[in-house]
Amino acid sequence: MPFIDRNKKTKRINVKERQVGSSMVEFVIVTPLLMFMGLGIMQFGLIYHAKSVLNYATFEAARAGAVNNAQIEVMRKELGYRLAPVYGGDGSLAMGAMSLARSVVAVNDITATKIELINPTSASFGAHGINKTVEDRHGASIGTVVIPNSHIRFNTEGVKGDGLDLQDANLLKIEVTYGYQMRLPFLDMKMPGVPWITRNLMIRVDRENWMYYVRGMIPLKATATVRMQSEAWEYQEDPPVVRAFEAAYAWVRDQIWGNGDGGDGCETAGNTAPVDPDTGVEVDAQVAMVNDVDCNALVNTDPFGDNNC
C-alpha cells in the first residue's frame, strides 16, 4: 500500500482556498484599463475621420472664397455644409438635416471654429491693391481696397514690397481651426475635476488652444490654397451674429424713438425730423447721444479694446 503524505495534501487544499476570489480581483483591476484603451482607440478613429472631413471641407470653403472675393463668412457657410458628416446620421432625410443643422451651428460659433486668412496679407493689399467701391452680398456699397484679378498673366510689375508678385498675391490660402467635440465616455472631459486638470496642463503644453481642451474639444487644423477667381477684398463682412444683433438693435431703437414717418404725432410744424414731445429735442439727436454714451461705456469696459466705436 503506497504511503500518502496527508500534510502535503492539506497544504494543497489551503493554497486553493487562498486563491478563491483572486480572478474577480484581477477582473476588477484589468477591465477598466481595457475599457479605457478600447474607448481611446475608438475615439482616435473618430478624430481621424473628423480630420479627413475637415481637410475636404477646408478645400471646399477655399473654393467658395475664391469666387466670392475672399470673404470669410462665405467660406464659413460652406464649411458648415461640408462638415455635416462629422455629426453622423443613419441615411434618413431627418437625420441628415439634423446633422447639417448641428454642423452649421457649430461652425458659426466663432470661438470654436476659426478661419484665418493667411494669403493675401495686409501687406499684399497695400502693395498690389487699388481703391474701389464694391457692392457686398447685402446690396450695400462699400469703399475698400481690392487686388486686381483680371489679366494677371500679362502683368509684368514683378515682386513688390510684400515679397510677392501679383500672381502670387492672387493665391488664397486659409487655415481652419475646428474644435472637435469628444463624445465617448471618460474622454469627453466632463467628469468632475477633469476640466481643471486639463486646463492647467494644456495651458503650458498648448497655450494657444487651451480653451478647446477645457470645453472637451480637440483643436483640429487644416489648410487649403486655391487661386482667386475674383478680386480679393480687404473689407470683410461682419459675422451673422453681429449683423443679427445690429438689426435687432436698430428695430428696437426705431420702436422706442419712432421711425419718423409722421404717424406717431411727434413732429412739429416746420420740422421734418420727429421731435420728442417731452424734451423738445429732435429724436435723431437723442439717439445719437444714446449711441455715444453706449459707445463710451463699451470703450471703458472692453478688455481687448477691439471695438469699432
Protein backbone atom coordinates (compact mmCIF):
# COMPACT_ATOMS: atom_id res chain seq x y z
CA MET A 1 0.00 0.00 0.00
CA PRO A 2 1.59 3.32 -1.06
CA PHE A 3 2.33 5.88 1.58
CA ILE A 4 0.16 9.07 1.47
CA ASP A 5 1.57 12.26 2.89
CA ARG A 6 -1.53 13.81 4.43
CA ASN A 7 0.34 17.01 5.37
CA LYS A 8 1.15 17.74 1.68
CA LYS A 9 -2.47 17.15 0.66
CA THR A 10 -3.64 19.56 3.35
CA LYS A 11 -1.21 22.21 2.10
CA ARG A 12 -2.56 21.92 -1.45
CA ILE A 13 -6.09 22.42 -0.19
CA ASN A 14 -5.08 25.51 1.79
CA VAL A 15 -3.43 27.07 -1.29
CA LYS A 16 -6.59 26.61 -3.36
CA GLU A 17 -8.68 28.18 -0.64
CA ARG A 18 -6.43 31.23 -0.55
CA GLN A 19 -6.80 31.68 -4.36
CA VAL A 20 -10.61 31.75 -4.26
CA GLY A 21 -11.81 35.17 -5.50
CA SER A 22 -8.46 36.22 -6.99
CA SER A 23 -9.88 36.12 -10.53
CA MET A 24 -12.55 38.61 -9.52
CA VAL A 25 -9.92 40.99 -8.18
CA GLU A 26 -7.92 40.68 -11.41
CA PHE A 27 -11.07 41.33 -13.43
CA VAL A 28 -11.86 44.48 -11.45
CA ILE A 29 -8.34 45.80 -11.96
CA VAL A 30 -7.86 44.94 -15.63
CA THR A 31 -11.34 45.64 -17.05
CA PRO A 32 -11.33 49.45 -16.56
CA LEU A 33 -7.91 49.67 -18.22
CA LEU A 34 -9.06 47.58 -21.17
CA MET A 35 -12.25 49.63 -21.49
CA PHE A 36 -10.26 52.87 -21.42
CA MET A 37 -7.87 51.56 -24.08
CA GLY A 38 -10.76 50.39 -26.25
CA LEU A 39 -12.60 53.68 -25.97
CA GLY A 40 -9.37 55.53 -26.71
CA ILE A 41 -8.86 53.53 -29.92
CA MET A 42 -12.44 54.20 -30.99
CA GLN A 43 -12.07 57.93 -30.22
CA PHE A 44 -8.84 58.07 -32.20
CA GLY A 45 -10.68 56.61 -35.19
CA LEU A 46 -13.41 59.23 -34.87
CA ILE A 47 -10.81 62.01 -34.66
CA TYR A 48 -9.08 60.68 -37.77
CA HIS A 49 -12.41 60.65 -39.60
CA ALA A 50 -13.15 64.22 -38.48
CA LYS A 51 -9.70 65.36 -39.65
CA SER A 52 -10.28 63.80 -43.08
CA VAL A 53 -13.67 65.52 -43.39
CA LEU A 54 -12.13 68.81 -42.22
CA ASN A 55 -9.43 68.64 -44.91
CA TYR A 56 -12.08 68.25 -47.61
CA ALA A 57 -14.36 70.90 -46.07
CA THR A 58 -11.49 73.40 -45.84
CA PHE A 59 -10.67 72.93 -49.52
CA GLU A 60 -14.32 73.44 -50.50
CA ALA A 61 -14.50 76.53 -48.29
CA ALA A 62 -11.43 77.96 -50.01
CA ARG A 63 -13.02 77.32 -53.41
CA ALA A 64 -16.13 79.20 -52.28
CA GLY A 65 -13.95 82.08 -51.08
CA ALA A 66 -12.07 82.18 -54.38
CA VAL A 67 -15.22 83.14 -56.27
CA ASN A 68 -16.62 85.38 -53.52
CA ASN A 69 -13.85 87.95 -53.01
CA ALA A 70 -12.12 86.03 -50.20
CA GLN A 71 -14.99 86.70 -47.79
CA ILE A 72 -14.51 84.69 -44.62
CA GLU A 73 -18.23 84.49 -43.84
CA VAL A 74 -18.92 82.89 -47.23
CA MET A 75 -16.20 80.35 -46.50
CA ARG A 76 -17.64 79.75 -43.04
CA LYS A 77 -21.05 78.99 -44.53
CA GLU A 78 -19.57 76.50 -46.98
CA LEU A 79 -17.51 74.94 -44.21
CA GLY A 80 -20.67 74.35 -42.17
CA TYR A 81 -22.28 72.46 -45.05
CA ARG A 82 -19.24 70.27 -45.68
CA LEU A 83 -18.62 69.31 -42.05
CA ALA A 84 -22.03 67.68 -41.62
CA PRO A 85 -20.61 64.10 -41.97
CA VAL A 86 -18.74 64.63 -38.70
CA TYR A 87 -22.07 64.59 -36.88
CA GLY A 88 -23.17 61.29 -38.41
CA GLY A 89 -26.61 60.11 -39.39
CA ASP A 90 -28.45 56.95 -40.41
CA GLY A 91 -29.04 57.85 -44.05
CA SER A 92 -32.51 59.27 -43.48
CA LEU A 93 -33.51 62.77 -44.53
CA ALA A 94 -34.39 63.77 -40.98
CA MET A 95 -31.04 62.74 -39.52
CA GLY A 96 -29.22 64.32 -42.46
CA ALA A 97 -30.98 67.63 -41.87
CA MET A 98 -30.22 67.40 -38.14
CA SER A 99 -26.51 66.75 -38.80
CA LEU A 100 -26.40 69.66 -41.23
CA ALA A 101 -28.07 72.00 -38.72
CA ARG A 102 -25.68 70.94 -35.93
CA SER A 103 -22.70 71.47 -38.21
CA VAL A 104 -23.80 74.95 -39.27
CA VAL A 105 -24.41 75.98 -35.65
CA ALA A 106 -21.02 74.65 -34.53
CA VAL A 107 -19.12 76.35 -37.34
CA ASN A 108 -20.81 79.71 -36.67
CA ASP A 109 -19.50 79.58 -33.11
CA ILE A 110 -16.53 81.83 -33.81
CA THR A 111 -14.91 80.83 -30.50
CA ALA A 112 -14.79 77.16 -31.54
CA THR A 113 -14.24 77.42 -35.32
CA LYS A 114 -11.68 79.94 -36.54
CA ILE A 115 -10.87 80.78 -40.16
CA GLU A 116 -7.62 82.66 -40.68
CA LEU A 117 -6.78 84.35 -43.96
CA ILE A 118 -3.09 83.61 -44.46
CA ASN A 119 -2.83 84.98 -48.00
CA PRO A 120 -3.37 87.64 -49.26
CA THR A 121 -1.96 89.56 -46.30
CA SER A 122 -2.50 93.18 -45.35
CA ALA A 123 0.91 93.89 -46.90
CA SER A 124 -0.33 92.40 -50.18
CA PHE A 125 -3.34 94.72 -50.18
CA GLY A 126 -1.02 97.65 -49.56
CA ALA A 127 1.40 96.68 -52.32
CA HIS A 128 -0.96 95.46 -55.04
CA GLY A 129 -4.37 96.82 -54.05
CA ILE A 130 -6.37 99.63 -55.60
CA ASN A 131 -9.20 101.65 -54.08
CA LYS A 132 -12.59 100.66 -55.40
CA THR A 133 -16.27 100.90 -54.47
CA VAL A 134 -17.85 97.44 -54.37
CA GLU A 135 -21.27 96.04 -53.57
CA ASP A 136 -21.48 93.30 -50.96
CA ARG A 137 -23.96 90.40 -50.86
CA HIS A 138 -26.48 92.54 -48.97
CA GLY A 139 -26.51 95.28 -51.60
CA ALA A 140 -24.52 97.83 -49.61
CA SER A 141 -21.90 99.93 -51.39
CA ILE A 142 -18.53 99.65 -49.66
CA GLY A 143 -15.32 101.52 -50.38
CA THR A 144 -12.38 99.17 -49.92
CA VAL A 145 -9.05 98.04 -51.33
CA VAL A 146 -9.11 95.19 -53.85
CA ILE A 147 -6.38 93.12 -55.51
CA PRO A 148 -6.94 93.04 -59.29
CA ASN A 149 -7.70 89.63 -60.73
CA SER A 150 -8.10 90.43 -64.43
CA HIS A 151 -5.36 89.59 -66.98
CA ILE A 152 -2.79 88.89 -64.25
CA ARG A 153 -0.92 86.55 -66.59
CA PHE A 154 0.26 89.55 -68.57
CA ASN A 155 1.19 91.65 -65.54
CA THR A 156 4.92 92.45 -65.57
CA GLU A 157 5.23 94.59 -62.43
CA GLY A 158 7.20 91.87 -60.66
CA VAL A 159 7.77 91.44 -56.94
CA LYS A 160 6.73 94.34 -54.71
CA GLY A 161 7.17 95.30 -51.08
CA ASP A 162 5.27 92.30 -49.74
CA GLY A 163 7.72 89.91 -51.42
CA LEU A 164 5.09 88.67 -53.88
CA ASP A 165 4.13 89.44 -57.43
CA LEU A 166 0.52 89.96 -58.48
CA GLN A 167 0.12 86.28 -59.46
CA ASP A 168 1.16 85.08 -56.01
CA ALA A 169 -0.93 87.77 -54.30
CA ASN A 170 -3.94 86.20 -56.03
CA LEU A 171 -3.42 82.90 -54.22
CA LEU A 172 -6.00 82.38 -51.49
CA LYS A 173 -4.66 80.42 -48.52
CA ILE A 174 -6.73 79.80 -45.40
CA GLU A 175 -6.23 77.90 -42.17
CA VAL A 176 -9.21 76.46 -40.30
CA THR A 177 -9.07 75.54 -36.61
CA TYR A 178 -12.07 73.40 -35.72
CA GLY A 179 -12.94 72.32 -32.18
CA TYR A 180 -13.89 68.66 -32.43
CA GLN A 181 -16.15 67.68 -29.55
CA MET A 182 -15.05 64.49 -27.77
CA ARG A 183 -18.03 62.14 -27.46
CA LEU A 184 -17.06 58.86 -25.85
CA PRO A 185 -17.39 58.38 -22.05
CA PHE A 186 -14.40 59.29 -19.87
CA LEU A 187 -12.80 61.08 -22.84
CA ASP A 188 -15.23 63.99 -23.18
CA MET A 189 -13.53 65.79 -20.26
CA LYS A 190 -16.83 66.42 -18.50
CA MET A 191 -16.05 64.40 -15.39
CA PRO A 192 -15.63 66.48 -12.20
CA GLY A 193 -12.11 67.82 -11.91
CA VAL A 194 -11.01 66.80 -15.41
CA PRO A 195 -11.51 70.27 -16.98
CA TRP A 196 -9.45 71.85 -14.19
CA ILE A 197 -6.62 69.35 -14.60
CA THR A 198 -6.70 69.63 -18.38
CA ARG A 199 -6.76 73.42 -18.30
CA ASN A 200 -3.73 73.68 -16.05
CA LEU A 201 -1.87 71.09 -18.11
CA MET A 202 -2.68 72.33 -21.61
CA ILE A 203 -2.13 75.99 -20.76
CA ARG A 204 1.54 75.03 -20.56
CA VAL A 205 1.66 72.48 -23.37
CA ASP A 206 -0.60 74.23 -25.93
CA ARG A 207 -1.22 77.71 -24.59
CA GLU A 208 -2.85 78.98 -27.78
CA ASN A 209 -5.63 76.36 -27.78
CA TRP A 210 -6.14 75.60 -24.10
CA MET A 211 -9.77 76.76 -24.19
CA TYR A 212 -10.63 73.92 -26.58
CA TYR A 213 -9.47 71.32 -24.07
CA VAL A 214 -11.44 72.86 -21.22
CA ARG A 215 -14.59 72.58 -23.33
CA GLY A 216 -13.91 68.91 -24.11
CA MET A 217 -12.67 69.66 -27.63
CA ILE A 218 -9.63 68.72 -29.67
CA PRO A 219 -8.39 71.54 -31.96
CA LEU A 220 -8.02 70.18 -35.49
CA LYS A 221 -6.25 72.30 -38.10
CA ALA A 222 -6.40 72.18 -41.90
CA THR A 223 -5.08 74.46 -44.63
CA ALA A 224 -6.03 74.91 -48.28
CA THR A 225 -4.65 77.00 -51.14
CA VAL A 226 -6.52 77.89 -54.33
CA ARG A 227 -6.16 80.58 -56.97
CA MET A 228 -8.54 83.51 -56.74
CA GLN A 229 -11.26 83.68 -59.39
CA SER A 230 -12.45 87.12 -58.29
CA GLU A 231 -10.98 90.26 -56.78
CA ALA A 232 -9.90 89.83 -53.17
CA TRP A 233 -11.42 92.47 -50.88
CA GLU A 234 -9.70 93.86 -47.82
CA TYR A 235 -13.19 94.52 -46.43
CA GLN A 236 -14.72 91.58 -44.58
CA GLU A 237 -18.41 91.19 -43.81
CA ASP A 238 -19.49 91.02 -40.19
CA PRO A 239 -20.42 87.58 -38.81
CA PRO A 240 -24.16 86.73 -38.93
CA VAL A 241 -24.42 87.04 -35.14
CA VAL A 242 -23.16 90.63 -35.28
CA ARG A 243 -25.48 91.52 -38.16
CA ALA A 244 -28.46 89.99 -36.33
CA PHE A 245 -27.65 91.97 -33.18
CA GLU A 246 -27.30 95.21 -35.14
CA ALA A 247 -30.61 94.60 -36.93
CA ALA A 248 -32.36 93.86 -33.62
CA TYR A 249 -30.86 96.97 -32.04
CA ALA A 250 -31.99 99.13 -34.96
CA TRP A 251 -35.52 97.71 -34.78
CA VAL A 252 -35.80 98.31 -31.02
CA ARG A 253 -34.43 101.82 -31.43
CA ASP A 254 -36.99 102.59 -34.12
CA GLN A 255 -39.79 101.21 -31.95
CA ILE A 256 -38.74 103.35 -28.98
CA TRP A 257 -38.00 106.62 -30.76
CA GLY A 258 -40.30 106.32 -33.76
CA ASN A 259 -39.28 105.93 -37.36
CA GLY A 260 -40.08 109.48 -38.47
CA ASP A 261 -42.91 108.55 -40.83
CA GLY A 262 -45.22 111.24 -39.43
CA GLY A 263 -47.68 108.73 -37.97
CA ASP A 264 -46.65 108.98 -34.33
CA GLY A 265 -47.71 112.60 -33.72
CA CYS A 266 -44.22 113.62 -32.64
CA GLU A 267 -43.49 116.08 -35.45
CA THR A 268 -43.96 119.83 -35.15
CA ALA A 269 -44.84 122.31 -37.84
CA GLY A 270 -41.89 123.34 -39.97
CA ASN A 271 -39.77 120.38 -38.82
CA THR A 272 -39.12 117.33 -40.98
CA ALA A 273 -37.38 115.43 -38.16
CA PRO A 274 -39.53 113.93 -35.35
CA VAL A 275 -39.33 115.71 -32.01
CA ASP A 276 -39.78 114.18 -28.58
CA PRO A 277 -42.83 115.96 -27.03
CA ASP A 278 -41.37 115.65 -23.52
CA THR A 279 -37.94 117.16 -24.14
CA GLY A 280 -38.48 119.15 -27.33
CA VAL A 281 -35.26 117.68 -28.74
CA GLU A 282 -35.11 116.00 -32.12
CA VAL A 283 -35.26 112.23 -31.83
CA ASP A 284 -32.23 111.72 -34.08
CA ALA A 285 -30.15 113.91 -31.80
CA GLN A 286 -31.26 111.92 -28.75
CA VAL A 287 -30.47 108.63 -30.47
CA ALA A 288 -27.01 109.94 -31.35
CA MET A 289 -26.49 110.89 -27.70
CA VAL A 290 -27.54 107.40 -26.56
CA ASN A 291 -25.21 105.79 -29.07
CA ASP A 292 -22.31 107.95 -27.91
CA VAL A 293 -22.95 107.01 -24.27
CA ASP A 294 -23.16 103.30 -25.12
CA CYS A 295 -20.02 103.54 -27.21
CA ASN A 296 -18.05 105.30 -24.48
CA ALA A 297 -19.17 102.71 -21.95
CA LEU A 298 -18.08 99.96 -24.33
CA VAL A 299 -14.64 101.53 -24.75
CA ASN A 300 -14.19 101.73 -21.00
CA THR A 301 -15.28 98.18 -20.32
CA ASP A 302 -13.90 96.33 -23.35
CA PRO A 303 -10.81 94.45 -22.07
CA PHE A 304 -9.46 93.90 -25.58
CA GLY A 305 -10.03 97.37 -26.97
CA ASP A 306 -11.04 96.00 -30.35
CA ASN A 307 -14.45 97.66 -30.70
CA ASN A 308 -15.27 99.80 -33.69
CA CYS A 309 -16.66 102.86 -31.92
